Structures are given as structure tokens and as C-alpha cells.
Amino acid sequence: MSLQTYIDDAIEELEKDHLADATLDDVEDIEDCIWELADSNTPIYYSDMLECVSDDIDLFITRPDNAGPEDTPDKLIQINIFERIESALWERFREWQEEQESVEEEWASKRDPDD
């Protein structure tokens, strides 16, 4: 699968399993799930990681900030893929938060005609 497919699958899982019925009161629980979703959607097989690298060579040549000195090249690729997926999940989460805040503001203005 391509890197974008891993990202899309993780976002779809976030939306379906965590955002669909959530409210802003659930933010803390959703934040906790983002790491788990990124982890579970990061490929573990070399062939899958190499397919992602074929989409974006930066996954291979960039050394992640949180990489250890003993990390092997395959581990570095995996860390980079994880970080890309996690970043996309956080971006979608922030969009969802803004959407929810907008909806709540709209509801509040309809309930209180003085605003």
C-alpha cells in the first residue's frame, strides 16, 4: 500500500470510530487514541515500508528527531511513516475541533438571541 493509503485508512478509522459520535467533551479520549491509531496503521513489513519509500524518498533520507543511535534504517523509515500518519491524524482532529466549535457557537447564538 502507498503511504497515502495508510494515512487515509488511519483518518477513516479516526472519523468512523472516534469522531462520528464525539463531542468536544470527548477531546481528551480522542487525543489518547491518535497515537494508537498511528501505531496500528504503521506498516511493519519491509515490503510495505519500501512501497511507502517509493512514494516519498524523504522517508528514507530523513533522520527523525526521536531516533535512537542504534536504530536501523528500517526502523528510521518506520518512525518517519508513523510521524506522517500521526501528523495527518492531528491535522484532521484539529479540523474536527474547529468544526465542532463552530457548530456549538452557532447553536449558542440560536439559543441566546442577545448574542
Protein backbone atom coordinates (compact mmCIF):
# COMPACT_ATOMS: atom_id res chain seq x y z
CA MET A 1 0.00 0.00 0.00
CA SER A 2 1.07 3.55 -0.55
CA LEU A 3 1.82 5.98 2.25
CA GLN A 4 -1.30 7.93 1.34
CA THR A 5 -3.38 4.76 1.70
CA TYR A 6 -2.05 4.22 5.23
CA ILE A 7 -2.83 7.84 6.06
CA ASP A 8 -6.31 7.65 4.53
CA ASP A 9 -7.09 4.42 6.38
CA ALA A 10 -6.00 5.92 9.70
CA ILE A 11 -8.08 9.06 9.13
CA GLU A 12 -11.08 6.98 8.14
CA GLU A 13 -10.73 4.94 11.32
CA LEU A 14 -10.42 8.11 13.40
CA GLU A 15 -13.53 9.59 11.84
CA LYS A 16 -15.63 6.43 11.97
CA ASP A 17 -14.65 5.08 15.38
CA HIS A 18 -13.85 8.23 17.34
CA LEU A 19 -15.19 11.42 15.77
CA ALA A 20 -18.54 10.34 14.36
CA ASP A 21 -20.45 10.48 17.64
CA ALA A 22 -18.00 12.54 19.69
CA THR A 23 -18.42 15.97 21.23
CA LEU A 24 -15.88 18.48 22.45
CA ASP A 25 -16.23 16.89 25.88
CA ASP A 26 -14.59 13.77 24.44
CA VAL A 27 -11.46 15.58 23.26
CA GLU A 28 -9.13 14.03 25.83
CA ASP A 29 -10.19 10.48 24.91
CA ILE A 30 -9.73 11.20 21.21
CA GLU A 31 -6.30 12.70 21.77
CA ASP A 32 -5.26 9.47 23.50
CA CYS A 33 -6.41 7.43 20.51
CA ILE A 34 -4.34 9.31 17.94
CA TRP A 35 -1.05 7.69 18.95
CA GLU A 36 -2.66 4.25 18.98
CA LEU A 37 -4.17 4.77 15.53
CA ALA A 38 -0.87 5.96 14.09
CA ASP A 39 0.90 2.99 15.63
CA SER A 40 -1.60 0.41 14.43
CA ASN A 41 -1.58 1.85 10.89
CA THR A 42 2.22 1.97 10.55
CA PRO A 43 3.49 -0.89 8.39
CA ILE A 44 5.78 -3.48 9.93
CA TYR A 45 6.83 -5.44 6.85
CA TYR A 46 9.84 -4.34 4.79
CA SER A 47 7.95 -4.60 1.52
CA ASP A 48 5.20 -2.29 2.80
CA MET A 49 7.71 0.22 4.15
CA LEU A 50 9.64 0.20 0.86
CA GLU A 51 6.44 0.83 -1.04
CA CYS A 52 5.92 3.93 1.11
CA VAL A 53 9.51 5.00 0.44
CA SER A 54 8.86 4.68 -3.29
CA ASP A 55 6.13 7.32 -2.79
CA ASP A 56 8.38 9.65 -0.80
CA ILE A 57 12.16 9.24 -0.62
CA ASP A 58 12.27 11.61 2.37
CA LEU A 59 11.03 8.71 4.48
CA PHE A 60 14.38 7.07 3.79
CA ILE A 61 16.78 10.01 3.91
CA THR A 62 15.35 11.97 6.85
CA ARG A 63 16.56 11.07 10.32
CA PRO A 64 13.67 11.51 12.79
CA ASP A 65 14.32 13.71 15.83
CA ASN A 66 13.33 10.95 18.23
CA ALA A 67 15.50 8.27 16.60
CA GLY A 68 18.00 6.48 18.77
CA PRO A 69 21.64 5.86 17.89
CA GLU A 70 21.03 2.12 17.49
CA ASP A 71 18.00 2.48 15.21
CA THR A 72 18.42 0.60 11.96
CA PRO A 73 17.45 2.06 8.56
CA ASP A 74 14.19 0.12 8.53
CA LYS A 75 13.33 1.44 11.99
CA LEU A 76 14.05 5.01 10.83
CA ILE A 77 11.71 4.54 7.89
CA GLN A 78 9.06 3.15 10.20
CA ILE A 79 9.42 6.10 12.56
CA ASN A 80 9.07 8.54 9.66
CA ILE A 81 5.94 6.77 8.40
CA PHE A 82 4.48 6.79 11.93
CA GLU A 83 5.16 10.51 12.23
CA ARG A 84 3.47 11.23 8.88
CA ILE A 85 0.39 9.26 9.85
CA GLU A 86 0.28 10.84 13.31
CA SER A 87 0.65 14.32 11.82
CA ALA A 88 -2.24 13.70 9.41
CA LEU A 89 -4.40 12.43 12.27
CA TRP A 90 -3.65 15.52 14.36
CA GLU A 91 -4.47 17.74 11.40
CA ARG A 92 -7.82 16.01 10.89
CA PHE A 93 -8.51 16.17 14.63
CA ARG A 94 -7.86 19.93 14.69
CA GLU A 95 -10.20 20.38 11.71
CA TRP A 96 -12.86 18.39 13.54
CA GLN A 97 -12.38 20.52 16.68
CA GLU A 98 -12.85 23.70 14.66
CA GLU A 99 -15.96 22.24 13.06
CA GLN A 100 -17.39 21.31 16.46
CA GLU A 101 -16.60 24.71 17.96
CA SER A 102 -18.31 26.38 15.01
CA VAL A 103 -21.40 24.21 15.46
CA GLU A 104 -21.51 24.92 19.18
CA GLU A 105 -21.17 28.67 18.58
CA GLU A 106 -23.98 28.51 16.04
CA TRP A 107 -26.23 26.63 18.48
CA ALA A 108 -25.39 29.06 21.27
CA SER A 109 -26.28 32.05 19.11
CA LYS A 110 -29.64 30.48 18.21
CA ARG A 111 -30.47 29.77 21.86
CA ASP A 112 -29.48 33.22 23.10
CA PRO A 113 -30.93 35.96 20.91
CA ASP A 114 -28.90 38.62 22.79
CA ASP A 115 -25.60 37.44 21.20
